Amino acid sequence: VFTVFAVEESYLPARDLANRLQNLGYHISVNSVPSSSVS
């Protein structure tokens, strides 16, 4: 189970990757909010 940490300009490429990997059945989520990344 992968969590991708990406903020600002890195969010769109990270979201694009996660969407495509999810379509292949993999467990990928994106955390893009700096204030919540530590938690």
PDB file of all heavy atoms in Angstrom:
ATOM      1  N   VAL A   1       0.863  -1.179   0.000  1.00  0.00           N
ATOM      2  CA  VAL A   1       0.000   0.000   0.000  1.00  0.00           C
ATOM      3  C   VAL A   1       0.902   1.232   0.000  1.00  0.00           C
ATOM      4  O   VAL A   1       1.683   1.448   0.930  1.00  0.00           O
ATOM      5  CB  VAL A   1      -0.921   0.021   1.226  1.00  0.00           C
ATOM      6  CG1 VAL A   1      -1.739   1.302   1.255  1.00  0.00           C
ATOM      7  CG2 VAL A   1      -1.830  -1.194   1.220  1.00  0.00           C
ATOM      8  N   PHE A   2       0.810   2.025  -1.049  1.00  0.00           N
ATOM      9  CA  PHE A   2       1.684   3.180  -1.225  1.00  0.00           C
ATOM     10  C   PHE A   2       0.947   4.476  -0.934  1.00  0.00           C
ATOM     11  O   PHE A   2      -0.200   4.659  -1.350  1.00  0.00           O
ATOM     12  CB  PHE A   2       2.204   3.243  -2.659  1.00  0.00           C
ATOM     13  CG  PHE A   2       3.611   2.720  -2.831  1.00  0.00           C
ATOM     14  CD1 PHE A   2       3.837   1.373  -3.033  1.00  0.00           C
ATOM     15  CD2 PHE A   2       4.694   3.578  -2.785  1.00  0.00           C
ATOM     16  CE1 PHE A   2       5.109   0.878  -3.198  1.00  0.00           C
ATOM     17  CE2 PHE A   2       5.980   3.097  -2.944  1.00  0.00           C
ATOM     18  CZ  PHE A   2       6.193   1.750  -3.155  1.00  0.00           C
ATOM     19  N   THR A   3       1.632   5.382  -0.248  1.00  0.00           N
ATOM     20  CA  THR A   3       1.175   6.759  -0.145  1.00  0.00           C
ATOM     21  C   THR A   3       2.180   7.628  -0.874  1.00  0.00           C
ATOM     22  O   THR A   3       3.383   7.537  -0.628  1.00  0.00           O
ATOM     23  CB  THR A   3       1.065   7.225   1.314  1.00  0.00           C
ATOM     24  OG1 THR A   3       0.077   6.438   1.994  1.00  0.00           O
ATOM     25  CG2 THR A   3       0.659   8.695   1.391  1.00  0.00           C
ATOM     26  N   VAL A   4       1.678   8.453  -1.784  1.00  0.00           N
ATOM     27  CA  VAL A   4       2.530   9.383  -2.522  1.00  0.00           C
ATOM     28  C   VAL A   4       2.417  10.749  -1.856  1.00  0.00           C
ATOM     29  O   VAL A   4       1.316  11.280  -1.692  1.00  0.00           O
ATOM     30  CB  VAL A   4       2.118   9.479  -4.003  1.00  0.00           C
ATOM     31  CG1 VAL A   4       3.042  10.436  -4.751  1.00  0.00           C
ATOM     32  CG2 VAL A   4       2.145   8.105  -4.659  1.00  0.00           C
ATOM     33  N   PHE A   5       3.553  11.306  -1.466  1.00  0.00           N
ATOM     34  CA  PHE A   5       3.593  12.637  -0.877  1.00  0.00           C
ATOM     35  C   PHE A   5       4.051  13.615  -1.955  1.00  0.00           C
ATOM     36  O   PHE A   5       5.161  13.502  -2.484  1.00  0.00           O
ATOM     37  CB  PHE A   5       4.562  12.684   0.301  1.00  0.00           C
ATOM     38  CG  PHE A   5       4.093  11.911   1.505  1.00  0.00           C
ATOM     39  CD1 PHE A   5       4.285  10.535   1.591  1.00  0.00           C
ATOM     40  CD2 PHE A   5       3.461  12.563   2.566  1.00  0.00           C
ATOM     41  CE1 PHE A   5       3.856   9.815   2.694  1.00  0.00           C
ATOM     42  CE2 PHE A   5       3.036  11.857   3.681  1.00  0.00           C
ATOM     43  CZ  PHE A   5       3.225  10.470   3.740  1.00  0.00           C
ATOM     44  N   ALA A   6       3.189  14.555  -2.299  1.00  0.00           N
ATOM     45  CA  ALA A   6       3.506  15.536  -3.337  1.00  0.00           C
ATOM     46  C   ALA A   6       2.712  16.801  -3.088  1.00  0.00           C
ATOM     47  O   ALA A   6       1.507  16.734  -2.820  1.00  0.00           O
ATOM     48  CB  ALA A   6       3.183  14.975  -4.720  1.00  0.00           C
ATOM     49  N   VAL A   7       3.364  17.935  -3.174  1.00  0.00           N
ATOM     50  CA  VAL A   7       2.682  19.215  -2.949  1.00  0.00           C
ATOM     51  C   VAL A   7       2.951  20.151  -4.117  1.00  0.00           C
ATOM     52  O   VAL A   7       3.856  19.959  -4.917  1.00  0.00           O
ATOM     53  CB  VAL A   7       3.150  19.878  -1.632  1.00  0.00           C
ATOM     54  CG1 VAL A   7       2.811  19.006  -0.438  1.00  0.00           C
ATOM     55  CG2 VAL A   7       4.652  20.155  -1.656  1.00  0.00           C
ATOM     56  N   GLU A   8       2.103  21.164  -4.208  1.00  0.00           N
ATOM     57  CA  GLU A   8       2.220  22.225  -5.204  1.00  0.00           C
ATOM     58  C   GLU A   8       2.369  21.667  -6.616  1.00  0.00           C
ATOM     59  O   GLU A   8       1.543  20.881  -7.062  1.00  0.00           O
ATOM     60  CB  GLU A   8       3.364  23.169  -4.814  1.00  0.00           C
ATOM     61  CG  GLU A   8       3.108  23.870  -3.482  1.00  0.00           C
ATOM     62  CD  GLU A   8       4.230  24.775  -3.044  1.00  0.00           C
ATOM     63  OE1 GLU A   8       5.301  24.778  -3.679  1.00  0.00           O
ATOM     64  OE2 GLU A   8       4.038  25.483  -2.038  1.00  0.00           O
ATOM     65  N   GLU A   9       3.447  22.037  -7.338  1.00  0.00           N
ATOM     66  CA  GLU A   9       3.521  21.649  -8.749  1.00  0.00           C
ATOM     67  C   GLU A   9       3.715  20.154  -8.963  1.00  0.00           C
ATOM     68  O   GLU A   9       3.513  19.654 -10.070  1.00  0.00           O
ATOM     69  CB  GLU A   9       4.640  22.418  -9.470  1.00  0.00           C
ATOM     70  CG  GLU A   9       6.044  21.924  -9.200  1.00  0.00           C
ATOM     71  CD  GLU A   9       6.715  22.603  -8.013  1.00  0.00           C
ATOM     72  OE1 GLU A   9       6.015  23.312  -7.257  1.00  0.00           O
ATOM     73  OE2 GLU A   9       7.932  22.431  -7.848  1.00  0.00           O
ATOM     74  N   SER A  10       4.093  19.431  -7.924  1.00  0.00           N
ATOM     75  CA  SER A  10       4.269  17.987  -8.052  1.00  0.00           C
ATOM     76  C   SER A  10       2.961  17.219  -7.919  1.00  0.00           C
ATOM     77  O   SER A  10       2.913  16.018  -8.193  1.00  0.00           O
ATOM     78  CB  SER A  10       5.258  17.474  -6.990  1.00  0.00           C
ATOM     79  OG  SER A  10       6.536  18.034  -7.179  1.00  0.00           O
ATOM     80  N   TYR A  11       1.888  17.916  -7.489  1.00  0.00           N
ATOM     81  CA  TYR A  11       0.632  17.210  -7.243  1.00  0.00           C
ATOM     82  C   TYR A  11       0.043  16.620  -8.525  1.00  0.00           C
ATOM     83  O   TYR A  11      -0.381  15.459  -8.535  1.00  0.00           O
ATOM     84  CB  TYR A  11      -0.396  18.141  -6.593  1.00  0.00           C
ATOM     85  CG  TYR A  11      -1.767  17.515  -6.522  1.00  0.00           C
ATOM     86  CD1 TYR A  11      -2.034  16.488  -5.623  1.00  0.00           C
ATOM     87  CD2 TYR A  11      -2.788  17.921  -7.376  1.00  0.00           C
ATOM     88  CE1 TYR A  11      -3.282  15.889  -5.568  1.00  0.00           C
ATOM     89  CE2 TYR A  11      -4.042  17.336  -7.324  1.00  0.00           C
ATOM     90  CZ  TYR A  11      -4.279  16.320  -6.426  1.00  0.00           C
ATOM     91  OH  TYR A  11      -5.512  15.726  -6.386  1.00  0.00           O
ATOM     92  N   LEU A  12      -0.020  17.392  -9.596  1.00  0.00           N
ATOM     93  CA  LEU A  12      -0.657  16.903 -10.823  1.00  0.00           C
ATOM     94  C   LEU A  12       0.040  15.669 -11.397  1.00  0.00           C
ATOM     95  O   LEU A  12      -0.639  14.691 -11.714  1.00  0.00           O
ATOM     96  CB  LEU A  12      -0.733  18.021 -11.860  1.00  0.00           C
ATOM     97  CG  LEU A  12      -1.774  19.111 -11.584  1.00  0.00           C
ATOM     98  CD1 LEU A  12      -1.732  20.176 -12.672  1.00  0.00           C
ATOM     99  CD2 LEU A  12      -3.179  18.513 -11.490  1.00  0.00           C
ATOM    100  N   PRO A  13       1.377  15.666 -11.547  1.00  0.00           N
ATOM    101  CA  PRO A  13       2.002  14.428 -12.024  1.00  0.00           C
ATOM    102  C   PRO A  13       1.808  13.260 -11.063  1.00  0.00           C
ATOM    103  O   PRO A  13       1.634  12.115 -11.489  1.00  0.00           O
ATOM    104  CB  PRO A  13       3.478  14.794 -12.177  1.00  0.00           C
ATOM    105  CG  PRO A  13       3.664  16.081 -11.478  1.00  0.00           C
ATOM    106  CD  PRO A  13       2.348  16.765 -11.481  1.00  0.00           C
ATOM    107  N   ALA A  14       1.789  13.538  -9.753  1.00  0.00           N
ATOM    108  CA  ALA A  14       1.572  12.469  -8.768  1.00  0.00           C
ATOM    109  C   ALA A  14       0.161  11.907  -8.880  1.00  0.00           C
ATOM    110  O   ALA A  14      -0.050  10.685  -8.844  1.00  0.00           O
ATOM    111  CB  ALA A  14       1.820  12.997  -7.358  1.00  0.00           C
ATOM    112  N   ARG A  15      -0.833  12.793  -9.032  1.00  0.00           N
ATOM    113  CA  ARG A  15      -2.223  12.364  -9.167  1.00  0.00           C
ATOM    114  C   ARG A  15      -2.425  11.553 -10.446  1.00  0.00           C
ATOM    115  O   ARG A  15      -3.137  10.544 -10.448  1.00  0.00           O
ATOM    116  CB  ARG A  15      -3.110  13.613  -9.196  1.00  0.00           C
ATOM    117  CG  ARG A  15      -4.619  13.371  -9.267  1.00  0.00           C
ATOM    118  CD  ARG A  15      -5.152  12.801  -7.988  1.00  0.00           C
ATOM    119  NE  ARG A  15      -5.209  11.345  -8.006  1.00  0.00           N
ATOM    120  CZ  ARG A  15      -5.428  10.592  -6.954  1.00  0.00           C
ATOM    121  NH1 ARG A  15      -5.608  11.142  -5.771  1.00  0.00           N
ATOM    122  NH2 ARG A  15      -5.484   9.272  -7.054  1.00  0.00           N
ATOM    123  N   ASP A  16      -1.771  11.985 -11.519  1.00  0.00           N
ATOM    124  CA  ASP A  16      -1.859  11.267 -12.786  1.00  0.00           C
ATOM    125  C   ASP A  16      -1.296   9.855 -12.652  1.00  0.00           C
ATOM    126  O   ASP A  16      -1.903   8.880 -13.108  1.00  0.00           O
ATOM    127  CB  ASP A  16      -1.103  12.048 -13.865  1.00  0.00           C
ATOM    128  CG  ASP A  16      -1.072  11.321 -15.200  1.00  0.00           C
ATOM    129  OD1 ASP A  16      -2.123  11.254 -15.860  1.00  0.00           O
ATOM    130  OD2 ASP A  16       0.004  10.820 -15.583  1.00  0.00           O
ATOM    131  N   LEU A  17      -0.134   9.727 -12.009  1.00  0.00           N
ATOM    132  CA  LEU A  17       0.469   8.398 -11.801  1.00  0.00           C
ATOM    133  C   LEU A  17      -0.442   7.521 -10.956  1.00  0.00           C
ATOM    134  O   LEU A  17      -0.674   6.351 -11.282  1.00  0.00           O
ATOM    135  CB  LEU A  17       1.829   8.543 -11.123  1.00  0.00           C
ATOM    136  CG  LEU A  17       2.503   7.222 -10.718  1.00  0.00           C
ATOM    137  CD1 LEU A  17       2.944   6.444 -11.950  1.00  0.00           C
ATOM    138  CD2 LEU A  17       3.691   7.477  -9.793  1.00  0.00           C
ATOM    139  N   ALA A  18      -0.961   8.085  -9.856  1.00  0.00           N
ATOM    140  CA  ALA A  18      -1.810   7.303  -8.955  1.00  0.00           C
ATOM    141  C   ALA A  18      -3.059   6.810  -9.674  1.00  0.00           C
ATOM    142  O   ALA A  18      -3.471   5.651  -9.509  1.00  0.00           O
ATOM    143  CB  ALA A  18      -2.193   8.147  -7.742  1.00  0.00           C
ATOM    144  N   ASN A  19      -3.678   7.655 -10.486  1.00  0.00           N
ATOM    145  CA  ASN A  19      -4.882   7.249 -11.226  1.00  0.00           C
ATOM    146  C   ASN A  19      -4.598   6.061 -12.138  1.00  0.00           C
ATOM    147  O   ASN A  19      -5.379   5.111 -12.208  1.00  0.00           O
ATOM    148  CB  ASN A  19      -5.417   8.420 -12.052  1.00  0.00           C
ATOM    149  CG  ASN A  19      -6.077   9.490 -11.193  1.00  0.00           C
ATOM    150  OD1 ASN A  19      -6.430   9.238 -10.042  1.00  0.00           O
ATOM    151  ND2 ASN A  19      -6.232  10.679 -11.744  1.00  0.00           N
ATOM    152  N   ARG A  20      -3.489   6.123 -12.844  1.00  0.00           N
ATOM    153  CA  ARG A  20      -3.172   5.053 -13.789  1.00  0.00           C
ATOM    154  C   ARG A  20      -2.819   3.752 -13.076  1.00  0.00           C
ATOM    155  O   ARG A  20      -3.189   2.661 -13.529  1.00  0.00           O
ATOM    156  CB  ARG A  20      -2.034   5.495 -14.714  1.00  0.00           C
ATOM    157  CG  ARG A  20      -2.472   6.562 -15.722  1.00  0.00           C
ATOM    158  CD  ARG A  20      -1.377   6.861 -16.725  1.00  0.00           C
ATOM    159  NE  ARG A  20      -0.273   7.578 -16.112  1.00  0.00           N
ATOM    160  CZ  ARG A  20       0.917   7.731 -16.696  1.00  0.00           C
ATOM    161  NH1 ARG A  20       1.155   7.198 -17.874  1.00  0.00           N
ATOM    162  NH2 ARG A  20       1.868   8.423 -16.094  1.00  0.00           N
ATOM    163  N   LEU A  21      -2.124   3.863 -11.943  1.00  0.00           N
ATOM    164  CA  LEU A  21      -1.785   2.649 -11.191  1.00  0.00           C
ATOM    165  C   LEU A  21      -3.023   2.053 -10.522  1.00  0.00           C
ATOM    166  O   LEU A  21      -3.151   0.833 -10.396  1.00  0.00           O
ATOM    167  CB  LEU A  21      -0.709   2.962 -10.148  1.00  0.00           C
ATOM    168  CG  LEU A  21       0.682   3.280 -10.713  1.00  0.00           C
ATOM    169  CD1 LEU A  21       1.643   3.669  -9.587  1.00  0.00           C
ATOM    170  CD2 LEU A  21       1.250   2.091 -11.487  1.00  0.00           C
ATOM    171  N   GLN A  22      -3.938   2.914 -10.092  1.00  0.00           N
ATOM    172  CA  GLN A  22      -5.192   2.419  -9.528  1.00  0.00           C
ATOM    173  C   GLN A  22      -5.981   1.649 -10.577  1.00  0.00           C
ATOM    174  O   GLN A  22      -6.631   0.642 -10.265  1.00  0.00           O
ATOM    175  CB  GLN A  22      -6.011   3.589  -8.986  1.00  0.00           C
ATOM    176  CG  GLN A  22      -5.464   4.187  -7.699  1.00  0.00           C
ATOM    177  CD  GLN A  22      -6.096   5.518  -7.355  1.00  0.00           C
ATOM    178  OE1 GLN A  22      -7.015   5.980  -8.039  1.00  0.00           O
ATOM    179  NE2 GLN A  22      -5.598   6.164  -6.305  1.00  0.00           N
ATOM    180  N   ASN A  23      -5.922   2.083 -11.820  1.00  0.00           N
ATOM    181  CA  ASN A  23      -6.604   1.373 -12.907  1.00  0.00           C
ATOM    182  C   ASN A  23      -6.018  -0.013 -13.147  1.00  0.00           C
ATOM    183  O   ASN A  23      -6.672  -0.884 -13.724  1.00  0.00           O
ATOM    184  CB  ASN A  23      -6.532   2.185 -14.204  1.00  0.00           C
ATOM    185  CG  ASN A  23      -7.424   3.406 -14.172  1.00  0.00           C
ATOM    186  OD1 ASN A  23      -8.363   3.479 -13.385  1.00  0.00           O
ATOM    187  ND2 ASN A  23      -7.118   4.391 -14.999  1.00  0.00           N
ATOM    188  N   LEU A  24      -4.769  -0.202 -12.682  1.00  0.00           N
ATOM    189  CA  LEU A  24      -4.145  -1.524 -12.798  1.00  0.00           C
ATOM    190  C   LEU A  24      -4.362  -2.362 -11.542  1.00  0.00           C
ATOM    191  O   LEU A  24      -3.856  -3.476 -11.441  1.00  0.00           O
ATOM    192  CB  LEU A  24      -2.644  -1.380 -13.065  1.00  0.00           C
ATOM    193  CG  LEU A  24      -2.241  -0.686 -14.379  1.00  0.00           C
ATOM    194  CD1 LEU A  24      -0.710  -0.661 -14.505  1.00  0.00           C
ATOM    195  CD2 LEU A  24      -2.864  -1.372 -15.585  1.00  0.00           C
ATOM    196  N   GLY A  25      -5.087  -1.810 -10.576  1.00  0.00           N
ATOM    197  CA  GLY A  25      -5.425  -2.571  -9.374  1.00  0.00           C
ATOM    198  C   GLY A  25      -4.526  -2.351  -8.185  1.00  0.00           C
ATOM    199  O   GLY A  25      -4.624  -3.089  -7.193  1.00  0.00           O
ATOM    200  N   TYR A  26      -3.657  -1.344  -8.231  1.00  0.00           N
ATOM    201  CA  TYR A  26      -2.727  -1.126  -7.120  1.00  0.00           C
ATOM    202  C   TYR A  26      -3.289  -0.111  -6.128  1.00  0.00           C
ATOM    203  O   TYR A  26      -4.084   0.758  -6.486  1.00  0.00           O
ATOM    204  CB  TYR A  26      -1.367  -0.667  -7.650  1.00  0.00           C
ATOM    205  CG  TYR A  26      -0.717  -1.729  -8.506  1.00  0.00           C
ATOM    206  CD1 TYR A  26      -0.670  -1.602  -9.891  1.00  0.00           C
ATOM    207  CD2 TYR A  26      -0.197  -2.885  -7.931  1.00  0.00           C
ATOM    208  CE1 TYR A  26      -0.112  -2.597 -10.685  1.00  0.00           C
ATOM    209  CE2 TYR A  26       0.363  -3.886  -8.712  1.00  0.00           C
ATOM    210  CZ  TYR A  26       0.397  -3.730 -10.088  1.00  0.00           C
ATOM    211  OH  TYR A  26       0.944  -4.718 -10.864  1.00  0.00           O
ATOM    212  N   HIS A  27      -2.851  -0.241  -4.870  1.00  0.00           N
ATOM    213  CA  HIS A  27      -3.349   0.603  -3.783  1.00  0.00           C
ATOM    214  C   HIS A  27      -2.438   1.818  -3.626  1.00  0.00           C
ATOM    215  O   HIS A  27      -1.435   1.774  -2.915  1.00  0.00           O
ATOM    216  CB  HIS A  27      -3.422  -0.192  -2.478  1.00  0.00           C
ATOM    217  CG  HIS A  27      -4.260  -1.431  -2.579  1.00  0.00           C
ATOM    218  ND1 HIS A  27      -5.637  -1.382  -2.645  1.00  0.00           N
ATOM    219  CD2 HIS A  27      -3.918  -2.736  -2.644  1.00  0.00           C
ATOM    220  CE1 HIS A  27      -6.116  -2.625  -2.736  1.00  0.00           C
ATOM    221  NE2 HIS A  27      -5.093  -3.459  -2.744  1.00  0.00           N
ATOM    222  N   ILE A  28      -2.799   2.891  -4.288  1.00  0.00           N
ATOM    223  CA  ILE A  28      -2.001   4.109  -4.287  1.00  0.00           C
ATOM    224  C   ILE A  28      -2.884   5.294  -3.906  1.00  0.00           C
ATOM    225  O   ILE A  28      -3.948   5.498  -4.496  1.00  0.00           O
ATOM    226  CB  ILE A  28      -1.398   4.397  -5.688  1.00  0.00           C
ATOM    227  CG1 ILE A  28      -0.692   3.160  -6.246  1.00  0.00           C
ATOM    228  CG2 ILE A  28      -0.460   5.595  -5.639  1.00  0.00           C
ATOM    229  CD1 ILE A  28       0.622   2.834  -5.614  1.00  0.00           C
ATOM    230  N   SER A  29      -2.456   6.063  -2.924  1.00  0.00           N
ATOM    231  CA  SER A  29      -3.175   7.292  -2.569  1.00  0.00           C
ATOM    232  C   SER A  29      -2.180   8.456  -2.588  1.00  0.00           C
ATOM    233  O   SER A  29      -0.969   8.250  -2.490  1.00  0.00           O
ATOM    234  CB  SER A  29      -3.822   7.180  -1.183  1.00  0.00           C
ATOM    235  OG  SER A  29      -2.835   6.998  -0.185  1.00  0.00           O
ATOM    236  N   VAL A  30      -2.702   9.669  -2.721  1.00  0.00           N
ATOM    237  CA  VAL A  30      -1.849  10.857  -2.788  1.00  0.00           C
ATOM    238  C   VAL A  30      -2.166  11.784  -1.628  1.00  0.00           C
ATOM    239  O   VAL A  30      -3.327  12.142  -1.413  1.00  0.00           O
ATOM    240  CB  VAL A  30      -2.047  11.617  -4.120  1.00  0.00           C
ATOM    241  CG1 VAL A  30      -1.150  12.854  -4.161  1.00  0.00           C
ATOM    242  CG2 VAL A  30      -1.749  10.710  -5.309  1.00  0.00           C
ATOM    243  N   ASN A  31      -1.138  12.146  -0.872  1.00  0.00           N
ATOM    244  CA  ASN A  31      -1.283  13.146   0.182  1.00  0.00           C
ATOM    245  C   ASN A  31      -0.677  14.445  -0.341  1.00  0.00           C
ATOM    246  O   ASN A  31       0.532  14.522  -0.569  1.00  0.00           O
ATOM    247  CB  ASN A  31      -0.573  12.699   1.455  1.00  0.00           C
ATOM    248  CG  ASN A  31      -0.821  13.655   2.610  1.00  0.00           C
ATOM    249  OD1 ASN A  31      -0.279  14.748   2.640  1.00  0.00           O
ATOM    250  ND2 ASN A  31      -1.645  13.252   3.558  1.00  0.00           N
ATOM    251  N   SER A  32      -1.509  15.449  -0.543  1.00  0.00           N
ATOM    252  CA  SER A  32      -1.041  16.684  -1.177  1.00  0.00           C
ATOM    253  C   SER A  32      -1.183  17.913  -0.292  1.00  0.00           C
ATOM    254  O   SER A  32      -0.896  19.022  -0.730  1.00  0.00           O
ATOM    255  CB  SER A  32      -1.817  16.921  -2.483  1.00  0.00           C
ATOM    256  OG  SER A  32      -3.197  17.075  -2.214  1.00  0.00           O
ATOM    257  N   VAL A  33      -1.618  17.732   0.958  1.00  0.00           N
ATOM    258  CA  VAL A  33      -1.826  18.871   1.866  1.00  0.00           C
ATOM    259  C   VAL A  33      -0.674  18.923   2.861  1.00  0.00           C
ATOM    260  O   VAL A  33      -0.538  18.019   3.700  1.00  0.00           O
ATOM    261  CB  VAL A  33      -3.166  18.747   2.612  1.00  0.00           C
ATOM    262  CG1 VAL A  33      -3.380  19.960   3.516  1.00  0.00           C
ATOM    263  CG2 VAL A  33      -4.315  18.591   1.623  1.00  0.00           C
ATOM    264  N   PRO A  34       0.181  19.933   2.781  1.00  0.00           N
ATOM    265  CA  PRO A  34       1.342  19.988   3.672  1.00  0.00           C
ATOM    266  C   PRO A  34       1.001  19.853   5.149  1.00  0.00           C
ATOM    267  O   PRO A  34       1.705  19.190   5.906  1.00  0.00           O
ATOM    268  CB  PRO A  34       1.955  21.362   3.361  1.00  0.00           C
ATOM    269  CG  PRO A  34       1.531  21.658   1.967  1.00  0.00           C
ATOM    270  CD  PRO A  34       0.151  21.070   1.841  1.00  0.00           C
ATOM    271  N   SER A  35      -0.099  20.473   5.562  1.00  0.00           N
ATOM    272  CA  SER A  35      -0.459  20.458   6.985  1.00  0.00           C
ATOM    273  C   SER A  35      -0.848  19.075   7.493  1.00  0.00           C
ATOM    274  O   SER A  35      -0.839  18.833   8.700  1.00  0.00           O
ATOM    275  CB  SER A  35      -1.604  21.438   7.243  1.00  0.00           C
ATOM    276  OG  SER A  35      -2.751  21.075   6.479  1.00  0.00           O
ATOM    277  N   SER A  36      -1.203  18.169   6.582  1.00  0.00           N
ATOM    278  CA  SER A  36      -1.625  16.836   7.009  1.00  0.00           C
ATOM    279  C   SER A  36      -0.578  15.762   6.733  1.00  0.00           C
ATOM    280  O   SER A  36      -0.779  14.593   7.084  1.00  0.00           O
ATOM    281  CB  SER A  36      -2.928  16.440   6.312  1.00  0.00           C
ATOM    282  OG  SER A  36      -2.717  16.251   4.918  1.00  0.00           O
ATOM    283  N   SER A  37       0.532  16.125   6.105  1.00  0.00           N
ATOM    284  CA  SER A  37       1.505  15.103   5.717  1.00  0.00           C
ATOM    285  C   SER A  37       2.175  14.456   6.923  1.00  0.00           C
ATOM    286  O   SER A  37       2.440  13.248   6.926  1.00  0.00           O
ATOM    287  CB  SER A  37       2.568  15.699   4.782  1.00  0.00           C
ATOM    288  OG  SER A  37       3.285  16.728   5.419  1.00  0.00           O
ATOM    289  N   VAL A  38       2.442  15.233   7.965  1.00  0.00           N
ATOM    290  CA  VAL A  38       3.078  14.672   9.161  1.00  0.00           C
ATOM    291  C   VAL A  38       2.149  13.681   9.851  1.00  0.00           C
ATOM    292  O   VAL A  38       2.559  12.579  10.233  1.00  0.00           O
ATOM    293  CB  VAL A  38       3.499  15.794  10.131  1.00  0.00           C
ATOM    294  CG1 VAL A  38       3.909  15.207  11.485  1.00  0.00           C
ATOM    295  CG2 VAL A  38       4.646  16.599   9.546  1.00  0.00           C
ATOM    296  N   SER A  39       0.874  14.046  10.014  1.00  0.00           N
ATOM    297  CA  SER A  39      -0.079  13.135  10.656  1.00  0.00           C
ATOM    298  C   SER A  39      -0.273  11.877   9.811  1.00  0.00           C
ATOM    299  O   SER A  39      -0.449  10.773  10.348  1.00  0.00           O
ATOM    300  CB  SER A  39      -1.417  13.840  10.890  1.00  0.00           C
ATOM    301  OG  SER A  39      -1.962  14.317   9.671  1.00  0.00           O
TER     302      SER A  39
END
